[in-house]
Amino acid sequence: MKLHAYFRSSTSYRLRIALNLKGLDYEIEPVNIVKGEQRGAEFLSHNPFAGVPLLQAGGRDRAQSVAILEWLDEAYPDRPLLPRDTEDRFTARELAYAIATDIHAINNLSALQYLKNELGQEQDAIDTWYRHWLVKTLVPVEARLAQVGSGDYLFDAPGLFEVVLIPQMYNARRFNLDTGAMPHIERIETACLALPAFQRAHPDNQPDSPPT
């Protein structure tokens, strides 16, 4: 498998975590989305959506991170990302999709660049925008976690929810969001970041991460 990714892309981060949790071998092909490499003709011929991640696997180019995560669980059922119980599967999807659609879609790089370049917004305003959408979704995620009960993970082991949550928490830290009122989320974040699968996937440990 070849994963075309950008070190700080939260969707790329999702795929790295999932591949690690499943114990699958993959090669990283860095794509600098800040420089616009994802809009080059060669990349577009493989991914017309002009974004990362792009997973080349099974003789096919696969785009859109959530669809890839679902495919991984179907194609490689060992170490599943979703629990067996139907209601538990719904809970995992409900929380993961809330983050993937209500936070990421409106806060991804292309949206932030549009705010800055086309609409002329200052960075302080963009940071405020980002934190607003984080809070709007993470607060109800925290409330749902309190309702369903959770330990170190949503269920017995990290899965789809944690795969989507942890990259978004990385972004929350970058944008200085105070998560002190989110103890369930913080507990899950701490437990996940202690695991090798999450550590290997961290942006700081990627081949295209700038040296510190």
N, C-alpha and C. Protein backbone atom coordinates (compact mmCIF):
# COMPACT_ATOMS: atom_id res chain seq x y z
N MET A 1 0.84 -1.20 0.00
CA MET A 1 0.00 0.00 0.00
C MET A 1 0.87 1.24 0.00
N LYS A 2 0.42 2.26 -0.71
CA LYS A 2 1.11 3.55 -0.69
C LYS A 2 0.13 4.61 -0.24
N LEU A 3 0.50 5.34 0.80
CA LEU A 3 -0.34 6.40 1.35
C LEU A 3 0.25 7.75 0.98
N HIS A 4 -0.44 8.46 0.11
CA HIS A 4 -0.06 9.83 -0.23
C HIS A 4 -0.66 10.73 0.85
N ALA A 5 0.21 11.46 1.55
CA ALA A 5 -0.24 12.14 2.76
C ALA A 5 0.60 13.38 3.02
N TYR A 6 0.05 14.24 3.87
CA TYR A 6 0.76 15.41 4.38
C TYR A 6 0.85 15.25 5.88
N PHE A 7 2.01 15.53 6.45
CA PHE A 7 2.26 15.19 7.85
C PHE A 7 1.23 15.78 8.80
N ARG A 8 0.74 16.99 8.53
CA ARG A 8 -0.15 17.67 9.47
C ARG A 8 -1.62 17.57 9.06
N SER A 9 -1.91 16.92 7.97
CA SER A 9 -3.29 16.72 7.54
C SER A 9 -3.99 15.77 8.50
N SER A 10 -5.10 16.22 9.07
CA SER A 10 -5.80 15.37 10.03
C SER A 10 -6.39 14.13 9.37
N THR A 11 -6.81 14.24 8.11
CA THR A 11 -7.35 13.08 7.42
C THR A 11 -6.24 12.06 7.11
N SER A 12 -5.05 12.55 6.77
CA SER A 12 -3.91 11.65 6.59
C SER A 12 -3.55 10.98 7.92
N TYR A 13 -3.58 11.75 8.98
CA TYR A 13 -3.31 11.26 10.33
C TYR A 13 -4.28 10.12 10.67
N ARG A 14 -5.55 10.28 10.32
CA ARG A 14 -6.54 9.22 10.55
C ARG A 14 -6.11 7.91 9.92
N LEU A 15 -5.71 8.00 8.65
CA LEU A 15 -5.35 6.79 7.93
C LEU A 15 -4.10 6.14 8.51
N ARG A 16 -3.13 6.94 8.91
CA ARG A 16 -1.92 6.37 9.51
C ARG A 16 -2.27 5.60 10.78
N ILE A 17 -3.11 6.18 11.62
CA ILE A 17 -3.52 5.50 12.85
C ILE A 17 -4.21 4.18 12.51
N ALA A 18 -5.18 4.23 11.61
CA ALA A 18 -5.96 3.04 11.28
C ALA A 18 -5.07 1.94 10.72
N LEU A 19 -4.18 2.28 9.81
CA LEU A 19 -3.28 1.29 9.23
C LEU A 19 -2.38 0.69 10.30
N ASN A 20 -1.92 1.52 11.22
CA ASN A 20 -1.09 1.02 12.32
C ASN A 20 -1.88 0.10 13.24
N LEU A 21 -3.10 0.50 13.60
CA LEU A 21 -3.92 -0.33 14.48
C LEU A 21 -4.18 -1.70 13.85
N LYS A 22 -4.32 -1.73 12.54
CA LYS A 22 -4.59 -2.99 11.85
C LYS A 22 -3.33 -3.77 11.52
N GLY A 23 -2.17 -3.19 11.81
CA GLY A 23 -0.92 -3.88 11.55
C GLY A 23 -0.60 -4.05 10.09
N LEU A 24 -1.05 -3.11 9.25
CA LEU A 24 -0.83 -3.20 7.80
C LEU A 24 0.42 -2.42 7.40
N ASP A 25 1.16 -2.97 6.47
CA ASP A 25 2.36 -2.30 5.97
C ASP A 25 1.96 -1.27 4.91
N TYR A 26 2.60 -0.12 4.95
CA TYR A 26 2.32 0.91 3.95
C TYR A 26 3.54 1.82 3.81
N GLU A 27 3.61 2.43 2.65
CA GLU A 27 4.68 3.36 2.33
C GLU A 27 4.10 4.76 2.26
N ILE A 28 4.78 5.72 2.86
CA ILE A 28 4.34 7.11 2.83
C ILE A 28 4.93 7.82 1.61
N GLU A 29 4.06 8.49 0.86
CA GLU A 29 4.48 9.37 -0.22
C GLU A 29 4.02 10.78 0.13
N PRO A 30 4.94 11.64 0.60
CA PRO A 30 4.53 12.97 1.03
C PRO A 30 3.96 13.82 -0.10
N VAL A 31 2.91 14.57 0.23
CA VAL A 31 2.29 15.53 -0.69
C VAL A 31 2.18 16.84 0.07
N ASN A 32 2.85 17.87 -0.41
CA ASN A 32 2.82 19.16 0.29
C ASN A 32 1.59 19.95 -0.16
N ILE A 33 0.54 19.86 0.65
CA ILE A 33 -0.71 20.52 0.27
C ILE A 33 -0.64 22.03 0.49
N VAL A 34 0.28 22.51 1.31
CA VAL A 34 0.45 23.95 1.49
C VAL A 34 1.00 24.56 0.20
N LYS A 35 1.89 23.83 -0.47
CA LYS A 35 2.46 24.31 -1.73
C LYS A 35 1.57 23.98 -2.93
N GLY A 36 0.47 23.25 -2.70
CA GLY A 36 -0.47 22.97 -3.77
C GLY A 36 -0.13 21.77 -4.63
N GLU A 37 0.72 20.87 -4.13
CA GLU A 37 1.09 19.70 -4.94
C GLU A 37 -0.11 18.81 -5.26
N GLN A 38 -1.13 18.87 -4.42
CA GLN A 38 -2.33 18.05 -4.65
C GLN A 38 -3.13 18.53 -5.86
N ARG A 39 -2.81 19.70 -6.37
CA ARG A 39 -3.52 20.22 -7.55
C ARG A 39 -2.74 20.03 -8.85
N GLY A 40 -1.61 19.34 -8.76
CA GLY A 40 -0.83 19.06 -9.96
C GLY A 40 -1.53 18.01 -10.83
N ALA A 41 -1.24 18.06 -12.12
CA ALA A 41 -1.93 17.17 -13.08
C ALA A 41 -1.71 15.70 -12.75
N GLU A 42 -0.51 15.32 -12.36
CA GLU A 42 -0.23 13.92 -12.06
C GLU A 42 -1.04 13.44 -10.87
N PHE A 43 -1.08 14.25 -9.80
CA PHE A 43 -1.85 13.85 -8.63
C PHE A 43 -3.34 13.80 -8.94
N LEU A 44 -3.84 14.79 -9.68
CA LEU A 44 -5.26 14.83 -10.03
C LEU A 44 -5.69 13.63 -10.87
N SER A 45 -4.75 13.08 -11.62
CA SER A 45 -5.10 11.90 -12.42
C SER A 45 -5.40 10.69 -11.53
N HIS A 46 -4.91 10.73 -10.30
CA HIS A 46 -5.18 9.66 -9.34
C HIS A 46 -6.28 10.04 -8.35
N ASN A 47 -6.37 11.32 -8.04
CA ASN A 47 -7.39 11.78 -7.08
C ASN A 47 -7.99 13.09 -7.57
N PRO A 48 -9.10 13.03 -8.29
CA PRO A 48 -9.72 14.26 -8.82
C PRO A 48 -10.27 15.17 -7.74
N PHE A 49 -10.35 14.68 -6.49
CA PHE A 49 -10.81 15.53 -5.39
C PHE A 49 -9.72 16.49 -4.91
N ALA A 50 -8.49 16.31 -5.38
CA ALA A 50 -7.38 17.21 -5.08
C ALA A 50 -7.15 17.37 -3.59
N GLY A 51 -7.01 16.26 -2.92
CA GLY A 51 -6.74 16.32 -1.49
C GLY A 51 -6.03 15.06 -1.03
N VAL A 52 -5.63 15.09 0.21
CA VAL A 52 -5.05 13.91 0.85
C VAL A 52 -6.00 13.48 1.98
N PRO A 53 -5.96 12.20 2.31
CA PRO A 53 -5.05 11.16 1.82
C PRO A 53 -5.53 10.55 0.51
N LEU A 54 -4.58 9.93 -0.15
CA LEU A 54 -4.86 9.04 -1.28
C LEU A 54 -4.18 7.73 -0.95
N LEU A 55 -4.94 6.67 -0.90
CA LEU A 55 -4.39 5.35 -0.61
C LEU A 55 -4.44 4.52 -1.89
N GLN A 56 -3.28 4.09 -2.34
CA GLN A 56 -3.19 3.20 -3.48
C GLN A 56 -3.08 1.78 -2.95
N ALA A 57 -4.14 1.01 -3.15
CA ALA A 57 -4.22 -0.33 -2.57
C ALA A 57 -5.17 -1.18 -3.38
N GLY A 58 -4.87 -2.45 -3.48
CA GLY A 58 -5.75 -3.37 -4.19
C GLY A 58 -5.93 -3.01 -5.64
N GLY A 59 -4.90 -2.41 -6.26
CA GLY A 59 -4.98 -2.05 -7.67
C GLY A 59 -5.88 -0.87 -7.97
N ARG A 60 -6.15 -0.04 -6.94
CA ARG A 60 -7.07 1.07 -7.14
C ARG A 60 -6.61 2.29 -6.35
N ASP A 61 -6.91 3.48 -6.87
CA ASP A 61 -6.69 4.73 -6.15
C ASP A 61 -7.91 4.99 -5.28
N ARG A 62 -7.69 5.20 -4.00
CA ARG A 62 -8.80 5.38 -3.07
C ARG A 62 -8.67 6.73 -2.35
N ALA A 63 -9.71 7.55 -2.46
CA ALA A 63 -9.74 8.87 -1.84
C ALA A 63 -10.87 8.93 -0.81
N GLN A 64 -10.89 10.03 -0.06
CA GLN A 64 -11.89 10.30 0.98
C GLN A 64 -11.65 9.41 2.21
N SER A 65 -11.15 10.01 3.27
CA SER A 65 -10.63 9.24 4.41
C SER A 65 -11.66 8.35 5.07
N VAL A 66 -12.88 8.83 5.27
CA VAL A 66 -13.88 8.01 5.96
C VAL A 66 -14.26 6.81 5.11
N ALA A 67 -14.38 7.01 3.82
CA ALA A 67 -14.67 5.88 2.92
C ALA A 67 -13.53 4.87 2.95
N ILE A 68 -12.29 5.36 3.01
CA ILE A 68 -11.15 4.46 3.08
C ILE A 68 -11.16 3.68 4.40
N LEU A 69 -11.49 4.35 5.50
CA LEU A 69 -11.56 3.66 6.78
C LEU A 69 -12.59 2.54 6.75
N GLU A 70 -13.75 2.81 6.16
CA GLU A 70 -14.79 1.78 6.05
C GLU A 70 -14.28 0.63 5.17
N TRP A 71 -13.61 0.95 4.08
CA TRP A 71 -13.08 -0.08 3.19
C TRP A 71 -12.04 -0.93 3.90
N LEU A 72 -11.17 -0.30 4.66
CA LEU A 72 -10.15 -1.05 5.40
C LEU A 72 -10.79 -2.08 6.33
N ASP A 73 -11.87 -1.69 6.99
CA ASP A 73 -12.51 -2.62 7.91
C ASP A 73 -13.17 -3.78 7.17
N GLU A 74 -13.64 -3.52 5.96
CA GLU A 74 -14.26 -4.59 5.17
C GLU A 74 -13.21 -5.48 4.50
N ALA A 75 -12.15 -4.86 3.99
CA ALA A 75 -11.13 -5.62 3.27
C ALA A 75 -10.18 -6.36 4.21
N TYR A 76 -9.98 -5.79 5.41
CA TYR A 76 -9.07 -6.37 6.40
C TYR A 76 -9.80 -6.45 7.74
N PRO A 77 -10.66 -7.45 7.89
CA PRO A 77 -11.53 -7.51 9.07
C PRO A 77 -10.83 -7.80 10.39
N ASP A 78 -9.59 -8.28 10.35
CA ASP A 78 -8.88 -8.49 11.61
C ASP A 78 -8.64 -7.14 12.29
N ARG A 79 -8.65 -7.16 13.60
CA ARG A 79 -8.47 -5.94 14.40
C ARG A 79 -9.47 -4.86 13.92
N PRO A 80 -10.74 -5.13 14.03
CA PRO A 80 -11.77 -4.22 13.47
C PRO A 80 -11.77 -2.85 14.13
N LEU A 81 -12.11 -1.84 13.33
CA LEU A 81 -12.25 -0.47 13.84
C LEU A 81 -13.63 -0.24 14.43
N LEU A 82 -14.59 -1.06 14.05
CA LEU A 82 -15.95 -0.94 14.55
C LEU A 82 -16.31 -2.15 15.40
N PRO A 83 -17.03 -1.95 16.50
CA PRO A 83 -17.42 -3.07 17.36
C PRO A 83 -18.45 -3.96 16.67
N ARG A 84 -18.67 -5.14 17.23
CA ARG A 84 -19.59 -6.10 16.63
C ARG A 84 -21.05 -5.70 16.84
N ASP A 85 -21.37 -5.19 18.03
CA ASP A 85 -22.75 -4.86 18.38
C ASP A 85 -23.28 -3.72 17.52
N THR A 86 -24.50 -3.87 17.02
CA THR A 86 -25.08 -2.88 16.11
C THR A 86 -25.21 -1.51 16.76
N GLU A 87 -25.68 -1.47 18.00
CA GLU A 87 -25.86 -0.18 18.67
C GLU A 87 -24.51 0.47 18.98
N ASP A 88 -23.53 -0.33 19.35
CA ASP A 88 -22.19 0.22 19.59
C ASP A 88 -21.59 0.76 18.29
N ARG A 89 -21.85 0.07 17.20
CA ARG A 89 -21.36 0.56 15.90
C ARG A 89 -21.98 1.91 15.57
N PHE A 90 -23.27 2.05 15.88
CA PHE A 90 -23.91 3.35 15.64
C PHE A 90 -23.26 4.44 16.48
N THR A 91 -23.03 4.15 17.76
CA THR A 91 -22.41 5.16 18.65
C THR A 91 -21.06 5.60 18.11
N ALA A 92 -20.24 4.64 17.70
CA ALA A 92 -18.92 4.98 17.16
C ALA A 92 -19.05 5.84 15.91
N ARG A 93 -19.97 5.48 15.03
CA ARG A 93 -20.16 6.27 13.80
C ARG A 93 -20.73 7.65 14.12
N GLU A 94 -21.69 7.72 15.03
CA GLU A 94 -22.29 9.01 15.37
C GLU A 94 -21.22 10.01 15.81
N LEU A 95 -20.35 9.57 16.70
CA LEU A 95 -19.33 10.47 17.25
C LEU A 95 -18.24 10.77 16.22
N ALA A 96 -17.81 9.74 15.49
CA ALA A 96 -16.76 9.95 14.50
C ALA A 96 -17.23 10.84 13.36
N TYR A 97 -18.45 10.61 12.88
CA TYR A 97 -18.95 11.40 11.76
C TYR A 97 -19.24 12.84 12.18
N ALA A 98 -19.61 13.06 13.44
CA ALA A 98 -19.82 14.43 13.91
C ALA A 98 -18.53 15.23 13.77
N ILE A 99 -17.43 14.62 14.15
CA ILE A 99 -16.13 15.30 14.05
C ILE A 99 -15.73 15.45 12.58
N ALA A 100 -15.88 14.38 11.80
CA ALA A 100 -15.42 14.40 10.41
C ALA A 100 -16.21 15.38 9.55
N THR A 101 -17.50 15.53 9.84
CA THR A 101 -18.33 16.39 8.99
C THR A 101 -18.52 17.79 9.57
N ASP A 102 -18.76 17.89 10.88
CA ASP A 102 -19.11 19.19 11.46
C ASP A 102 -17.89 20.02 11.86
N ILE A 103 -16.74 19.38 12.03
CA ILE A 103 -15.52 20.13 12.34
C ILE A 103 -14.61 20.17 11.13
N HIS A 104 -14.19 19.00 10.67
CA HIS A 104 -13.16 18.98 9.64
C HIS A 104 -13.61 19.64 8.34
N ALA A 105 -14.83 19.37 7.92
CA ALA A 105 -15.25 19.88 6.62
C ALA A 105 -15.20 21.40 6.54
N ILE A 106 -15.46 22.05 7.66
CA ILE A 106 -15.51 23.52 7.66
C ILE A 106 -14.20 24.14 8.09
N ASN A 107 -13.27 23.30 8.59
CA ASN A 107 -12.00 23.82 9.10
C ASN A 107 -10.79 23.26 8.37
N ASN A 108 -11.01 22.62 7.22
CA ASN A 108 -9.84 22.06 6.54
C ASN A 108 -9.02 23.17 5.88
N LEU A 109 -7.87 22.81 5.36
CA LEU A 109 -6.93 23.81 4.86
C LEU A 109 -7.53 24.67 3.76
N SER A 110 -8.28 24.05 2.84
CA SER A 110 -8.83 24.83 1.73
C SER A 110 -9.81 25.88 2.24
N ALA A 111 -10.60 25.54 3.28
CA ALA A 111 -11.53 26.51 3.85
C ALA A 111 -10.78 27.65 4.54
N LEU A 112 -9.73 27.31 5.27
CA LEU A 112 -8.95 28.34 5.97
C LEU A 112 -8.22 29.24 4.98
N GLN A 113 -7.71 28.65 3.91
CA GLN A 113 -7.04 29.46 2.88
C GLN A 113 -8.03 30.39 2.19
N TYR A 114 -9.25 29.95 1.99
CA TYR A 114 -10.27 30.80 1.38
C TYR A 114 -10.59 31.98 2.29
N LEU A 115 -10.71 31.71 3.59
CA LEU A 115 -10.96 32.79 4.55
C LEU A 115 -9.85 33.84 4.48
N LYS A 116 -8.61 33.36 4.37
CA LYS A 116 -7.48 34.28 4.40
C LYS A 116 -7.26 34.98 3.06
N ASN A 117 -7.25 34.22 1.99
CA ASN A 117 -6.84 34.77 0.70
C ASN A 117 -7.98 35.45 -0.05
N GLU A 118 -9.13 34.82 -0.11
CA GLU A 118 -10.25 35.40 -0.86
C GLU A 118 -11.07 36.39 -0.03
N LEU A 119 -11.25 36.09 1.26
CA LEU A 119 -12.07 36.96 2.10
C LEU A 119 -11.26 37.93 2.94
N GLY A 120 -9.94 37.81 2.90
CA GLY A 120 -9.07 38.80 3.54
C GLY A 120 -9.11 38.81 5.06
N GLN A 121 -9.39 37.66 5.66
CA GLN A 121 -9.46 37.60 7.12
C GLN A 121 -8.06 37.53 7.75
N GLU A 122 -7.89 38.21 8.88
CA GLU A 122 -6.63 38.14 9.62
C GLU A 122 -6.53 36.80 10.35
N GLN A 123 -5.29 36.41 10.71
CA GLN A 123 -5.09 35.11 11.34
C GLN A 123 -5.83 34.99 12.66
N ASP A 124 -5.92 36.08 13.43
CA ASP A 124 -6.65 36.02 14.70
C ASP A 124 -8.12 35.66 14.47
N ALA A 125 -8.71 36.23 13.44
CA ALA A 125 -10.10 35.93 13.13
C ALA A 125 -10.26 34.49 12.67
N ILE A 126 -9.29 34.00 11.90
CA ILE A 126 -9.34 32.62 11.43
C ILE A 126 -9.21 31.66 12.61
N ASP A 127 -8.32 31.98 13.55
CA ASP A 127 -8.17 31.14 14.73
C ASP A 127 -9.46 31.10 15.55
N THR A 128 -10.12 32.25 15.66
CA THR A 128 -11.39 32.31 16.38
C THR A 128 -12.43 31.46 15.68
N TRP A 129 -12.48 31.56 14.37
CA TRP A 129 -13.38 30.73 13.55
C TRP A 129 -13.13 29.24 13.86
N TYR A 130 -11.87 28.84 13.83
CA TYR A 130 -11.53 27.44 14.03
C TYR A 130 -12.00 26.95 15.39
N ARG A 131 -11.71 27.73 16.43
CA ARG A 131 -12.10 27.31 17.78
C ARG A 131 -13.61 27.26 17.94
N HIS A 132 -14.32 28.16 17.27
CA HIS A 132 -15.79 28.16 17.35
C HIS A 132 -16.35 26.82 16.90
N TRP A 133 -15.88 26.31 15.77
CA TRP A 133 -16.42 25.06 15.24
C TRP A 133 -15.93 23.85 16.02
N LEU A 134 -14.75 23.97 16.61
CA LEU A 134 -14.30 22.91 17.52
C LEU A 134 -15.27 22.78 18.70
N VAL A 135 -15.54 23.89 19.34
CA VAL A 135 -16.40 23.88 20.52
C VAL A 135 -17.81 23.41 20.16
N LYS A 136 -18.31 23.88 19.04
CA LYS A 136 -19.68 23.56 18.64
C LYS A 136 -19.92 22.05 18.58
N THR A 137 -18.90 21.29 18.20
CA THR A 137 -19.06 19.85 18.08
C THR A 137 -18.44 19.08 19.24
N LEU A 138 -17.30 19.50 19.74
CA LEU A 138 -16.66 18.74 20.82
C LEU A 138 -17.47 18.78 22.11
N VAL A 139 -18.18 19.86 22.37
CA VAL A 139 -19.02 19.92 23.57
C VAL A 139 -20.11 18.84 23.53
N PRO A 140 -20.88 18.70 22.45
CA PRO A 140 -21.85 17.61 22.42
C PRO A 140 -21.21 16.23 22.35
N VAL A 141 -20.04 16.10 21.74
CA VAL A 141 -19.34 14.82 21.78
C VAL A 141 -19.02 14.45 23.22
N GLU A 142 -18.53 15.40 23.98
CA GLU A 142 -18.26 15.17 25.41
C GLU A 142 -19.53 14.77 26.15
N ALA A 143 -20.63 15.43 25.84
CA ALA A 143 -21.90 15.11 26.49
C ALA A 143 -22.35 13.69 26.17
N ARG A 144 -22.17 13.28 24.91
CA ARG A 144 -22.56 11.93 24.52
C ARG A 144 -21.65 10.90 25.20
N LEU A 145 -20.38 11.19 25.32
CA LEU A 145 -19.48 10.27 26.01
C LEU A 145 -19.89 10.10 27.47
N ALA A 146 -20.34 11.18 28.09
CA ALA A 146 -20.82 11.10 29.48
C ALA A 146 -22.07 10.24 29.57
N GLN A 147 -22.92 10.32 28.56
CA GLN A 147 -24.16 9.54 28.56
C GLN A 147 -23.92 8.05 28.38
N VAL A 148 -23.06 7.70 27.44
CA VAL A 148 -22.84 6.29 27.13
C VAL A 148 -21.83 5.65 28.07
N GLY A 149 -21.03 6.48 28.75
CA GLY A 149 -20.00 5.95 29.62
C GLY A 149 -18.79 5.52 28.82
N SER A 150 -17.62 5.86 29.29
CA SER A 150 -16.40 5.49 28.56
C SER A 150 -15.24 5.41 29.54
N GLY A 151 -14.30 4.55 29.21
CA GLY A 151 -13.09 4.44 30.00
C GLY A 151 -11.95 5.10 29.26
N ASP A 152 -10.85 4.36 29.08
CA ASP A 152 -9.73 4.91 28.33
C ASP A 152 -10.09 5.09 26.86
N TYR A 153 -11.04 4.30 26.38
CA TYR A 153 -11.50 4.40 25.00
C TYR A 153 -13.03 4.37 25.01
N LEU A 154 -13.63 4.64 23.87
CA LEU A 154 -15.08 4.58 23.79
C LEU A 154 -15.58 3.19 24.16
N PHE A 155 -14.88 2.16 23.62
CA PHE A 155 -15.22 0.78 23.97
C PHE A 155 -13.97 0.10 24.51
N ASP A 156 -13.78 -1.17 24.27
CA ASP A 156 -12.67 -1.90 24.89
C ASP A 156 -11.32 -1.55 24.30
N ALA A 157 -11.29 -1.14 23.07
CA ALA A 157 -10.04 -0.82 22.38
C ALA A 157 -10.28 0.35 21.45
N PRO A 158 -9.23 1.09 21.09
CA PRO A 158 -9.42 2.21 20.17
C PRO A 158 -9.91 1.74 18.81
N GLY A 159 -10.80 2.52 18.22
CA GLY A 159 -11.37 2.16 16.92
C GLY A 159 -11.69 3.40 16.12
N LEU A 160 -12.77 3.35 15.35
CA LEU A 160 -13.11 4.43 14.44
C LEU A 160 -13.19 5.78 15.14
N PHE A 161 -13.85 5.84 16.29
CA PHE A 161 -13.99 7.12 16.96
C PHE A 161 -12.63 7.71 17.33
N GLU A 162 -11.77 6.91 17.93
CA GLU A 162 -10.46 7.42 18.34
C GLU A 162 -9.59 7.79 17.14
N VAL A 163 -9.73 7.02 16.06
CA VAL A 163 -8.99 7.31 14.84
C VAL A 163 -9.32 8.70 14.31
N VAL A 164 -10.58 9.12 14.45
CA VAL A 164 -11.00 10.44 13.98
C VAL A 164 -10.78 11.51 15.05
N LEU A 165 -10.96 11.16 16.30
CA LEU A 165 -10.84 12.14 17.39
C LEU A 165 -9.41 12.67 17.56
N ILE A 166 -8.44 11.77 17.62
CA ILE A 166 -7.08 12.17 17.99
C ILE A 166 -6.47 13.19 17.04
N PRO A 167 -6.60 13.04 15.71
CA PRO A 167 -6.09 14.09 14.83
C PRO A 167 -6.77 15.44 15.05
N GLN A 168 -8.07 15.41 15.38
CA GLN A 168 -8.75 16.67 15.62
C GLN A 168 -8.29 17.31 16.92
N MET A 169 -7.94 16.48 17.90
CA MET A 169 -7.39 17.02 19.14
C MET A 169 -6.00 17.62 18.92
N TYR A 170 -5.24 17.04 18.02
CA TYR A 170 -3.95 17.63 17.65
C TYR A 170 -4.18 19.05 17.12
N ASN A 171 -5.19 19.20 16.27
CA ASN A 171 -5.52 20.53 15.75
C ASN A 171 -6.03 21.45 16.85
N ALA A 172 -6.81 20.90 17.77
CA ALA A 172 -7.32 21.72 18.88
C ALA A 172 -6.17 22.29 19.69
N ARG A 173 -5.12 21.49 19.90
CA ARG A 173 -3.95 21.98 20.64
C ARG A 173 -3.23 23.06 19.83
N ARG A 174 -3.13 22.87 18.53
CA ARG A 174 -2.46 23.87 17.68
C ARG A 174 -3.18 25.21 17.75
N PHE A 175 -4.50 25.18 17.87
CA PHE A 175 -5.28 26.41 17.88
C PHE A 175 -5.65 26.84 19.31
N ASN A 176 -4.94 26.28 20.28
CA ASN A 176 -5.03 26.72 21.69
C ASN A 176 -6.44 26.66 22.25
N LEU A 177 -7.14 25.56 21.98
CA LEU A 177 -8.46 25.37 22.55
C LEU A 177 -8.32 24.83 23.98
N ASP A 178 -9.03 25.44 24.90
CA ASP A 178 -9.07 24.97 26.28
C ASP A 178 -10.06 23.81 26.37
N THR A 179 -9.57 22.61 26.68
CA THR A 179 -10.42 21.43 26.77
C THR A 179 -10.61 20.96 28.21
N GLY A 180 -10.37 21.87 29.15
CA GLY A 180 -10.48 21.50 30.56
C GLY A 180 -11.86 21.02 30.97
N ALA A 181 -12.89 21.45 30.25
CA ALA A 181 -14.26 21.02 30.57
C ALA A 181 -14.66 19.78 29.79
N MET A 182 -13.68 19.07 29.22
CA MET A 182 -13.96 17.88 28.42
C MET A 182 -13.16 16.70 28.97
N PRO A 183 -13.44 16.26 30.19
CA PRO A 183 -12.61 15.22 30.81
C PRO A 183 -12.66 13.88 30.10
N HIS A 184 -13.79 13.51 29.53
CA HIS A 184 -13.87 12.23 28.81
C HIS A 184 -12.99 12.26 27.57
N ILE A 185 -13.06 13.34 26.83
CA ILE A 185 -12.23 13.48 25.64
C ILE A 185 -10.76 13.50 26.02
N GLU A 186 -10.40 14.25 27.05
CA GLU A 186 -9.01 14.33 27.46
C GLU A 186 -8.48 12.97 27.92
N ARG A 187 -9.30 12.21 28.63
CA ARG A 187 -8.87 10.89 29.10
C ARG A 187 -8.60 9.96 27.93
N ILE A 188 -9.48 9.97 26.95
CA ILE A 188 -9.30 9.13 25.77
C ILE A 188 -8.06 9.57 24.98
N GLU A 189 -7.88 10.87 24.85
CA GLU A 189 -6.71 11.39 24.14
C GLU A 189 -5.43 10.92 24.81
N THR A 190 -5.35 11.03 26.13
CA THR A 190 -4.14 10.64 26.85
C THR A 190 -3.85 9.15 26.68
N ALA A 191 -4.90 8.32 26.77
CA ALA A 191 -4.71 6.88 26.63
C ALA A 191 -4.23 6.51 25.23
N CYS A 192 -4.81 7.15 24.22
CA CYS A 192 -4.43 6.83 22.85
C CYS A 192 -2.99 7.25 22.55
N LEU A 193 -2.61 8.43 23.00
CA LEU A 193 -1.27 8.93 22.69
C LEU A 193 -0.17 8.13 23.36
N ALA A 194 -0.53 7.27 24.30
CA ALA A 194 0.45 6.39 24.94
C ALA A 194 0.69 5.11 24.14
N LEU A 195 -0.11 4.88 23.09
CA LEU A 195 -0.01 3.64 22.32
C LEU A 195 0.93 3.81 21.12
N PRO A 196 1.74 2.79 20.83
CA PRO A 196 2.67 2.89 19.69
C PRO A 196 1.99 3.20 18.36
N ALA A 197 0.81 2.64 18.11
CA ALA A 197 0.13 2.88 16.83
C ALA A 197 -0.18 4.36 16.63
N PHE A 198 -0.52 5.05 17.70
CA PHE A 198 -0.81 6.47 17.63
C PHE A 198 0.48 7.28 17.60
N GLN A 199 1.48 6.84 18.33
CA GLN A 199 2.75 7.56 18.34
C GLN A 199 3.42 7.54 16.98
N ARG A 200 3.40 6.38 16.31
CA ARG A 200 4.01 6.28 14.97
C ARG A 200 3.26 7.14 13.95
N ALA A 201 1.97 7.34 14.19
CA ALA A 201 1.15 8.12 13.25
C ALA A 201 1.23 9.62 13.49
N HIS A 202 1.81 10.04 14.61
CA HIS A 202 1.82 11.46 14.99
C HIS A 202 2.52 12.30 13.92
N PRO A 203 2.02 13.49 13.65
CA PRO A 203 2.65 14.35 12.64
C PRO A 203 4.14 14.57 12.84
N ASP A 204 4.59 14.67 14.08
CA ASP A 204 6.01 14.92 14.33
C ASP A 204 6.90 13.76 13.89
N ASN A 205 6.32 12.59 13.68
CA ASN A 205 7.10 11.40 13.35
C ASN A 205 6.99 11.00 11.88
N GLN A 206 6.60 11.94 11.04
CA GLN A 206 6.44 11.65 9.61
C GLN A 206 7.64 12.13 8.81
N PRO A 207 7.90 11.50 7.66
CA PRO A 207 9.10 11.84 6.89
C PRO A 207 9.11 13.28 6.38
N ASP A 208 7.93 13.89 6.21
CA ASP A 208 7.89 15.26 5.71
C ASP A 208 7.70 16.28 6.83
N SER A 209 7.77 15.84 8.07
CA SER A 209 7.67 16.80 9.19
C SER A 209 8.95 17.62 9.27
N PRO A 210 8.84 18.94 9.35
CA PRO A 210 10.06 19.78 9.42
C PRO A 210 10.87 19.46 10.66
N PRO A 211 12.17 19.50 10.58
CA PRO A 211 13.00 19.25 11.76
C PRO A 211 12.77 20.32 12.82
N THR A 212 12.78 19.90 14.07
CA THR A 212 12.57 20.85 15.16
C THR A 212 13.86 21.48 15.62
